[in-house]
Amino acid sequence: MDISEQHRARERIAQGERNYWEMRRECYVALNRAARQYLSALTDMVHSMLRDADSAEVSEVLDAARAAHRDRYAEAQMVVPDAVLEIAGTVNRKLNQTYGLIKRLDNDDPSQGESIQVAHAQLNDHWDRLRLMRQQMRIDLGVSREVSSD
């Protein structure tokens, strides 16, 4: 292999690396956005229920946000490293638990101990988890060094 072939081979490898990191960054952006939209829709639904407002339209938005998050999470499961996948899995599971709680409340079929106040209390914990997930993504991408305590 002559010098110019070696140079082209190194360039192809470098371009592959750049493409890989760009794909990973795009996956993180999409997952972060979808998780935030899902949580925002959960929050809107809780607020609608607290006001005793008609929640049909808000419920449709929530279902769409949940589906979008499910798709982004499925993509992330194939791409992201274990450290990010662990917190993303926790975020996914906890958001879905609150979704189930809200749907049971909306259908007037809550389990024992479930209430709109319980759902409302879970929302702040979810925002904290999203913050941790985002920080772990930033660490993986090399734009942050450590998880902050804010």
Protein backbone atom coordinates (compact mmCIF):
# COMPACT_ATOMS: atom_id res chain seq x y z
CA MET A 1 0.00 0.00 0.00
CA ASP A 2 1.51 3.30 -1.03
CA ILE A 3 1.34 6.48 1.03
CA SER A 4 -1.71 7.89 -0.76
CA GLU A 5 -3.64 4.62 -0.24
CA GLN A 6 -2.70 4.65 3.44
CA HIS A 7 -3.89 8.24 3.68
CA ARG A 8 -7.24 7.39 2.03
CA ALA A 9 -7.67 4.39 4.34
CA ARG A 10 -7.02 6.57 7.40
CA GLU A 11 -9.50 9.15 6.05
CA ARG A 12 -12.18 6.46 5.59
CA ILE A 13 -11.65 5.27 9.15
CA ALA A 14 -11.79 8.83 10.48
CA GLN A 15 -14.95 9.54 8.47
CA GLY A 16 -16.53 6.36 9.84
CA GLU A 17 -15.74 7.52 13.37
CA ARG A 18 -17.24 10.96 12.70
CA ASN A 19 -20.36 9.35 11.22
CA TYR A 20 -20.69 7.05 14.23
CA TRP A 21 -20.48 9.89 16.75
CA GLU A 22 -22.88 12.04 14.72
CA MET A 23 -25.39 9.17 14.65
CA ARG A 24 -25.00 8.71 18.40
CA ARG A 25 -25.45 12.44 19.03
CA GLU A 26 -28.58 12.48 16.86
CA CYS A 27 -29.93 9.49 18.80
CA TYR A 28 -29.31 11.32 22.08
CA VAL A 29 -31.00 14.49 20.84
CA ALA A 30 -34.04 12.54 19.64
CA LEU A 31 -34.32 10.51 22.85
CA ASN A 32 -33.89 13.56 25.08
CA ARG A 33 -36.48 15.52 23.08
CA ALA A 34 -38.98 12.64 23.09
CA ALA A 35 -38.56 12.03 26.84
CA ARG A 36 -39.06 15.73 27.59
CA GLN A 37 -42.15 15.86 25.37
CA TYR A 38 -43.54 12.71 27.01
CA LEU A 39 -43.01 14.19 30.47
CA SER A 40 -44.51 17.52 29.38
CA ALA A 41 -47.58 15.67 28.08
CA LEU A 42 -47.84 13.74 31.37
CA THR A 43 -47.61 17.06 33.23
CA ASP A 44 -50.29 18.63 31.02
CA MET A 45 -52.58 15.65 31.64
CA VAL A 46 -52.10 15.86 35.41
CA HIS A 47 -52.83 19.60 35.35
CA SER A 48 -55.91 19.03 33.21
CA MET A 49 -57.17 16.41 35.64
CA LEU A 50 -56.47 18.67 38.62
CA ARG A 51 -58.61 21.38 36.97
CA ASP A 52 -61.34 18.81 36.22
CA ALA A 53 -61.14 19.88 32.57
CA ASP A 54 -62.08 17.74 29.58
CA SER A 55 -58.91 15.75 29.04
CA ALA A 56 -59.70 14.03 25.71
CA GLU A 57 -57.46 16.26 23.58
CA VAL A 58 -54.69 16.29 26.19
CA SER A 59 -54.93 12.50 26.37
CA GLU A 60 -54.44 12.22 22.59
CA VAL A 61 -51.32 14.38 22.79
CA LEU A 62 -50.07 12.22 25.67
CA ASP A 63 -50.61 9.01 23.70
CA ALA A 64 -48.72 10.46 20.71
CA ALA A 65 -45.84 11.59 22.94
CA ARG A 66 -45.68 8.16 24.54
CA ALA A 67 -45.52 6.47 21.12
CA ALA A 68 -42.77 8.84 19.95
CA HIS A 69 -40.76 8.18 23.10
CA ARG A 70 -41.21 4.42 22.72
CA ASP A 71 -39.77 4.64 19.19
CA ARG A 72 -36.78 6.78 20.23
CA TYR A 73 -36.06 4.51 23.19
CA ALA A 74 -36.16 1.44 20.93
CA GLU A 75 -33.59 3.08 18.65
CA ALA A 76 -31.40 4.02 21.60
CA GLN A 77 -31.40 0.44 22.87
CA MET A 78 -29.42 -0.52 19.76
CA VAL A 79 -26.94 2.37 19.84
CA VAL A 80 -26.13 3.77 23.25
CA PRO A 81 -23.60 2.43 25.76
CA ASP A 82 -24.70 0.66 28.94
CA ALA A 83 -24.17 3.66 31.23
CA VAL A 84 -26.64 5.74 29.20
CA LEU A 85 -28.99 2.82 28.56
CA GLU A 86 -29.29 2.15 32.28
CA ILE A 87 -30.59 5.63 33.11
CA ALA A 88 -32.63 5.80 29.87
CA GLY A 89 -34.27 2.51 30.86
CA THR A 90 -35.12 3.87 34.29
CA VAL A 91 -36.56 7.03 32.72
CA ASN A 92 -38.62 4.94 30.30
CA ARG A 93 -39.94 2.62 33.00
CA LYS A 94 -40.84 5.41 35.43
CA LEU A 95 -42.55 7.54 32.78
CA ASN A 96 -44.59 4.54 31.70
CA GLN A 97 -45.55 3.79 35.31
CA THR A 98 -46.88 7.33 35.68
CA TYR A 99 -48.65 7.00 32.33
CA GLY A 100 -50.40 3.86 33.58
CA LEU A 101 -51.38 5.60 36.81
CA ILE A 102 -52.79 8.59 34.93
CA LYS A 103 -54.74 6.39 32.52
CA ARG A 104 -56.25 4.39 35.40
CA LEU A 105 -57.26 7.63 37.09
CA ASP A 106 -58.69 9.00 33.85
CA ASN A 107 -60.74 5.81 33.44
CA ASP A 108 -61.93 6.02 37.08
CA ASP A 109 -60.20 2.72 37.86
CA PRO A 110 -57.27 3.57 40.18
CA SER A 111 -55.46 0.93 42.17
CA GLN A 112 -55.34 1.25 45.94
CA GLY A 113 -53.32 4.29 47.01
CA GLU A 114 -53.33 5.88 43.56
CA SER A 115 -54.46 9.48 43.23
CA ILE A 116 -53.87 12.52 41.10
CA GLN A 117 -51.74 13.89 43.94
CA VAL A 118 -49.50 10.81 43.75
CA ALA A 119 -49.12 11.31 39.99
CA HIS A 120 -48.37 15.01 40.49
CA ALA A 121 -45.70 14.20 43.09
CA GLN A 122 -43.94 11.86 40.64
CA LEU A 123 -43.44 14.59 38.04
CA ASN A 124 -40.53 16.35 39.80
CA ASP A 125 -38.70 13.05 40.23
CA HIS A 126 -39.07 12.47 36.50
CA TRP A 127 -37.52 15.86 35.67
CA ASP A 128 -34.57 14.94 37.92
CA ARG A 129 -34.15 11.62 36.09
CA LEU A 130 -34.25 13.37 32.72
CA ARG A 131 -31.53 15.73 33.91
CA LEU A 132 -29.36 12.76 34.93
CA MET A 133 -29.97 11.05 31.60
CA ARG A 134 -28.99 14.19 29.69
CA GLN A 135 -25.84 14.59 31.79
CA GLN A 136 -24.83 10.97 31.15
CA MET A 137 -25.33 11.52 27.41
CA ARG A 138 -23.19 14.65 27.52
CA ILE A 139 -20.45 12.78 29.37
CA ASP A 140 -20.51 10.05 26.74
CA LEU A 141 -20.25 12.63 23.95
CA GLY A 142 -17.32 14.28 25.71
CA VAL A 143 -19.01 17.65 26.22
CA SER A 144 -19.27 17.23 29.99
CA ARG A 145 -16.82 15.61 32.38
CA GLU A 146 -18.98 14.52 35.29
CA VAL A 147 -22.51 14.39 36.55
CA SER A 148 -23.26 17.62 38.39
CA SER A 149 -25.28 17.73 41.58
CA ASP A 150 -27.69 20.49 40.48
